[in-house]
């Protein structure tokens, strides 16, 4: 199935250190902004109401930073960079699948080993994983394709 999107030119290599740094940096920026909005504004009340008793007073900054580094590396390697050379429609399906699977790893394991994890939080978080990866991929690929014209 095609989306009507034109394939980007493959004349320029996408594997040089500068190109990789640009893709990683843009992916980190978009993902970070979207996730900050999600955690700080959109889902804040839901998480407070449903799992507030489980939340730390202050976030563990080291663990959060490690998550973002690993997650952005994975999203970039497995979804964003391959998406630069294929139809956007397929890329968005892959992005949603990546987000769903990776967020399910945490959410379903948490649900399996901890008491009183509300199903609504798990389902909302799974949807967010799919959505944030899809939106990040769409934004990064669109910007980079326009930039390379």
C-alpha atoms as a PDB file:
ATOM      1  CA  UNK A   1       0.000   0.000   0.000  1.00  0.00           C
ATOM      2  CA  UNK A   2       1.391   3.374  -0.916  1.00  0.00           C
ATOM      3  CA  UNK A   3       0.607   6.696   0.630  1.00  0.00           C
ATOM      4  CA  UNK A   4       1.419   8.795  -2.381  1.00  0.00           C
ATOM      5  CA  UNK A   5       4.548  10.114  -0.705  1.00  0.00           C
ATOM      6  CA  UNK A   6       7.559  10.376  -2.911  1.00  0.00           C
ATOM      7  CA  UNK A   7      10.618   8.484  -1.918  1.00  0.00           C
ATOM      8  CA  UNK A   8      13.466  10.691  -0.779  1.00  0.00           C
ATOM      9  CA  UNK A   9      16.613  10.910  -2.815  1.00  0.00           C
ATOM     10  CA  UNK A  10      19.194   8.304  -1.866  1.00  0.00           C
ATOM     11  CA  UNK A  11      22.036  10.260  -3.461  1.00  0.00           C
ATOM     12  CA  UNK A  12      23.374  11.377  -0.087  1.00  0.00           C
ATOM     13  CA  UNK A  13      24.560   8.855   2.480  1.00  0.00           C
ATOM     14  CA  UNK A  14      22.487   8.693   5.669  1.00  0.00           C
ATOM     15  CA  UNK A  15      25.109   6.890   7.692  1.00  0.00           C
ATOM     16  CA  UNK A  16      27.796   9.523   8.259  1.00  0.00           C
ATOM     17  CA  UNK A  17      28.389  10.762  11.806  1.00  0.00           C
ATOM     18  CA  UNK A  18      26.851  14.166  11.082  1.00  0.00           C
ATOM     19  CA  UNK A  19      23.703  12.678   9.556  1.00  0.00           C
ATOM     20  CA  UNK A  20      23.292  10.220  12.416  1.00  0.00           C
ATOM     21  CA  UNK A  21      23.775  13.011  14.969  1.00  0.00           C
ATOM     22  CA  UNK A  22      21.130  15.161  13.254  1.00  0.00           C
ATOM     23  CA  UNK A  23      18.592  12.315  13.198  1.00  0.00           C
ATOM     24  CA  UNK A  24      19.321  11.383  16.820  1.00  0.00           C
ATOM     25  CA  UNK A  25      19.183  14.990  17.986  1.00  0.00           C
ATOM     26  CA  UNK A  26      15.926  15.753  16.233  1.00  0.00           C
ATOM     27  CA  UNK A  27      14.361  12.499  17.452  1.00  0.00           C
ATOM     28  CA  UNK A  28      15.449  13.278  21.020  1.00  0.00           C
ATOM     29  CA  UNK A  29      14.067  16.810  20.815  1.00  0.00           C
ATOM     30  CA  UNK A  30      10.665  15.826  19.422  1.00  0.00           C
ATOM     31  CA  UNK A  31      10.235  12.784  21.677  1.00  0.00           C
ATOM     32  CA  UNK A  32      11.402  14.735  24.736  1.00  0.00           C
ATOM     33  CA  UNK A  33       9.042  17.662  24.152  1.00  0.00           C
ATOM     34  CA  UNK A  34       6.050  15.402  23.490  1.00  0.00           C
ATOM     35  CA  UNK A  35       6.759  13.204  26.513  1.00  0.00           C
ATOM     36  CA  UNK A  36       7.287  16.230  28.778  1.00  0.00           C
ATOM     37  CA  UNK A  37       3.916  17.614  27.693  1.00  0.00           C
ATOM     38  CA  UNK A  38       2.315  14.221  28.244  1.00  0.00           C
ATOM     39  CA  UNK A  39       3.771  13.657  31.696  1.00  0.00           C
ATOM     40  CA  UNK A  40       3.629  17.243  32.902  1.00  0.00           C
ATOM     41  CA  UNK A  41       0.266  18.338  31.535  1.00  0.00           C
ATOM     42  CA  UNK A  42      -1.927  15.834  29.705  1.00  0.00           C
ATOM     43  CA  UNK A  43      -1.709  12.700  31.865  1.00  0.00           C
ATOM     44  CA  UNK A  44      -0.630  14.260  35.145  1.00  0.00           C
ATOM     45  CA  UNK A  45      -4.040  14.148  36.833  1.00  0.00           C
ATOM     46  CA  UNK A  46      -4.745  10.597  35.675  1.00  0.00           C
ATOM     47  CA  UNK A  47      -1.448   9.323  37.053  1.00  0.00           C
ATOM     48  CA  UNK A  48      -1.887  11.248  40.310  1.00  0.00           C
ATOM     49  CA  UNK A  49      -5.402   9.860  40.819  1.00  0.00           C
ATOM     50  CA  UNK A  50      -4.675   6.294  39.780  1.00  0.00           C
ATOM     51  CA  UNK A  51      -1.102   5.629  40.944  1.00  0.00           C
ATOM     52  CA  UNK A  52      -0.153   8.663  43.026  1.00  0.00           C
ATOM     53  CA  UNK A  53       0.643   6.424  45.988  1.00  0.00           C
ATOM     54  CA  UNK A  54       3.301   4.683  43.859  1.00  0.00           C
ATOM     55  CA  UNK A  55       4.968   7.836  42.527  1.00  0.00           C
ATOM     56  CA  UNK A  56       8.236   9.124  43.975  1.00  0.00           C
ATOM     57  CA  UNK A  57       8.354  12.603  45.492  1.00  0.00           C
ATOM     58  CA  UNK A  58      11.034  13.503  42.943  1.00  0.00           C
ATOM     59  CA  UNK A  59      11.920  11.708  39.749  1.00  0.00           C
ATOM     60  CA  UNK A  60      15.181   9.768  39.615  1.00  0.00           C
ATOM     61  CA  UNK A  61      16.924  11.981  37.063  1.00  0.00           C
ATOM     62  CA  UNK A  62      19.663   9.455  36.297  1.00  0.00           C
ATOM     63  CA  UNK A  63      17.192   6.693  35.539  1.00  0.00           C
ATOM     64  CA  UNK A  64      15.041   9.067  33.470  1.00  0.00           C
ATOM     65  CA  UNK A  65      18.062  10.225  31.466  1.00  0.00           C
ATOM     66  CA  UNK A  66      19.140   6.619  30.877  1.00  0.00           C
ATOM     67  CA  UNK A  67      15.637   5.749  29.667  1.00  0.00           C
ATOM     68  CA  UNK A  68      15.557   8.658  27.209  1.00  0.00           C
ATOM     69  CA  UNK A  69      19.020   7.849  25.829  1.00  0.00           C
ATOM     70  CA  UNK A  70      18.208   4.161  25.331  1.00  0.00           C
ATOM     71  CA  UNK A  71      14.708   4.812  24.013  1.00  0.00           C
ATOM     72  CA  UNK A  72      15.762   7.481  21.520  1.00  0.00           C
ATOM     73  CA  UNK A  73      18.602   5.254  20.300  1.00  0.00           C
ATOM     74  CA  UNK A  74      16.131   2.396  19.774  1.00  0.00           C
ATOM     75  CA  UNK A  75      13.451   4.528  18.119  1.00  0.00           C
ATOM     76  CA  UNK A  76      16.030   6.129  15.846  1.00  0.00           C
ATOM     77  CA  UNK A  77      17.740   2.865  14.892  1.00  0.00           C
ATOM     78  CA  UNK A  78      14.692   0.661  14.434  1.00  0.00           C
ATOM     79  CA  UNK A  79      12.127   3.149  13.112  1.00  0.00           C
ATOM     80  CA  UNK A  80      13.197   6.694  12.237  1.00  0.00           C
ATOM     81  CA  UNK A  81      16.329   6.070  10.153  1.00  0.00           C
ATOM     82  CA  UNK A  82      14.769   3.233   8.116  1.00  0.00           C
ATOM     83  CA  UNK A  83      11.732   5.488   7.578  1.00  0.00           C
ATOM     84  CA  UNK A  84      13.796   8.055   5.711  1.00  0.00           C
ATOM     85  CA  UNK A  85      13.942   5.741   2.691  1.00  0.00           C
ATOM     86  CA  UNK A  86      10.437   4.307   2.546  1.00  0.00           C
ATOM     87  CA  UNK A  87       6.809   5.321   2.329  1.00  0.00           C
ATOM     88  CA  UNK A  88       5.605   7.305   5.326  1.00  0.00           C
ATOM     89  CA  UNK A  89       2.452   5.189   5.767  1.00  0.00           C
ATOM     90  CA  UNK A  90       4.420   2.018   6.424  1.00  0.00           C
ATOM     91  CA  UNK A  91       6.808   3.926   8.657  1.00  0.00           C
ATOM     92  CA  UNK A  92       3.979   5.182  10.839  1.00  0.00           C
ATOM     93  CA  UNK A  93       2.619   1.653  11.264  1.00  0.00           C
ATOM     94  CA  UNK A  94       6.111   0.506  12.278  1.00  0.00           C
ATOM     95  CA  UNK A  95       6.418   3.437  14.686  1.00  0.00           C
ATOM     96  CA  UNK A  96       3.083   2.642  16.335  1.00  0.00           C
ATOM     97  CA  UNK A  97       4.057  -1.022  16.659  1.00  0.00           C
ATOM     98  CA  UNK A  98       7.447  -0.118  18.162  1.00  0.00           C
ATOM     99  CA  UNK A  99       5.796   2.189  20.703  1.00  0.00           C
ATOM    100  CA  UNK A 100       3.130  -0.334  21.623  1.00  0.00           C
ATOM    101  CA  UNK A 101       5.596  -3.201  22.064  1.00  0.00           C
ATOM    102  CA  UNK A 102       8.171  -1.212  24.010  1.00  0.00           C
ATOM    103  CA  UNK A 103       5.652   0.399  26.334  1.00  0.00           C
ATOM    104  CA  UNK A 104       3.935  -2.988  26.797  1.00  0.00           C
ATOM    105  CA  UNK A 105       7.235  -4.401  28.032  1.00  0.00           C
ATOM    106  CA  UNK A 106       7.173  -2.020  30.979  1.00  0.00           C
ATOM    107  CA  UNK A 107       3.438  -1.765  31.573  1.00  0.00           C
ATOM    108  CA  UNK A 108       2.581  -5.447  31.416  1.00  0.00           C
ATOM    109  CA  UNK A 109       5.616  -6.459  33.473  1.00  0.00           C
ATOM    110  CA  UNK A 110       4.642  -3.853  36.067  1.00  0.00           C
ATOM    111  CA  UNK A 111       1.091  -5.167  36.078  1.00  0.00           C
ATOM    112  CA  UNK A 112       2.399  -8.718  36.497  1.00  0.00           C
ATOM    113  CA  UNK A 113       4.657  -8.056  39.483  1.00  0.00           C
ATOM    114  CA  UNK A 114       3.054  -5.150  41.350  1.00  0.00           C
ATOM    115  CA  UNK A 115      -0.238  -4.937  43.192  1.00  0.00           C
ATOM    116  CA  UNK A 116      -3.048  -2.592  42.320  1.00  0.00           C
ATOM    117  CA  UNK A 117      -1.825  -1.323  38.953  1.00  0.00           C
ATOM    118  CA  UNK A 118      -5.022  -0.014  37.334  1.00  0.00           C
ATOM    119  CA  UNK A 119      -5.842  -1.393  33.907  1.00  0.00           C
ATOM    120  CA  UNK A 120      -6.836   2.090  32.743  1.00  0.00           C
ATOM    121  CA  UNK A 121      -3.291   3.354  33.374  1.00  0.00           C
ATOM    122  CA  UNK A 122      -1.812   0.440  31.449  1.00  0.00           C
ATOM    123  CA  UNK A 123      -4.153   0.943  28.487  1.00  0.00           C
ATOM    124  CA  UNK A 124      -3.613   4.704  28.384  1.00  0.00           C
ATOM    125  CA  UNK A 125       0.153   4.235  28.601  1.00  0.00           C
ATOM    126  CA  UNK A 126       0.141   1.649  25.796  1.00  0.00           C
ATOM    127  CA  UNK A 127      -1.830   4.046  23.612  1.00  0.00           C
ATOM    128  CA  UNK A 128       0.619   6.817  24.490  1.00  0.00           C
ATOM    129  CA  UNK A 129       3.595   4.658  23.531  1.00  0.00           C
ATOM    130  CA  UNK A 130       2.108   4.039  20.100  1.00  0.00           C
ATOM    131  CA  UNK A 131       1.069   7.680  19.681  1.00  0.00           C
ATOM    132  CA  UNK A 132       4.325   9.305  20.771  1.00  0.00           C
ATOM    133  CA  UNK A 133       6.433   7.076  18.544  1.00  0.00           C
ATOM    134  CA  UNK A 134       4.123   7.685  15.590  1.00  0.00           C
ATOM    135  CA  UNK A 135       4.101  11.456  16.100  1.00  0.00           C
ATOM    136  CA  UNK A 136       7.861  11.598  16.645  1.00  0.00           C
ATOM    137  CA  UNK A 137       8.566   9.563  13.526  1.00  0.00           C
ATOM    138  CA  UNK A 138       6.157  11.620  11.415  1.00  0.00           C
ATOM    139  CA  UNK A 139       7.672  14.909  12.573  1.00  0.00           C
ATOM    140  CA  UNK A 140      11.310  13.871  12.221  1.00  0.00           C
ATOM    141  CA  UNK A 141      10.879  12.218   8.828  1.00  0.00           C
ATOM    142  CA  UNK A 142       8.881  15.167   7.487  1.00  0.00           C
ATOM    143  CA  UNK A 143      11.456  17.716   8.656  1.00  0.00           C
ATOM    144  CA  UNK A 144      14.414  15.727   7.332  1.00  0.00           C
ATOM    145  CA  UNK A 145      12.787  15.068   3.969  1.00  0.00           C
ATOM    146  CA  UNK A 146      11.989  18.757   3.515  1.00  0.00           C
ATOM    147  CA  UNK A 147      15.495  19.689   4.617  1.00  0.00           C
ATOM    148  CA  UNK A 148      17.100  17.382   2.042  1.00  0.00           C
ATOM    149  CA  UNK A 149      15.204  18.879  -0.931  1.00  0.00           C
END
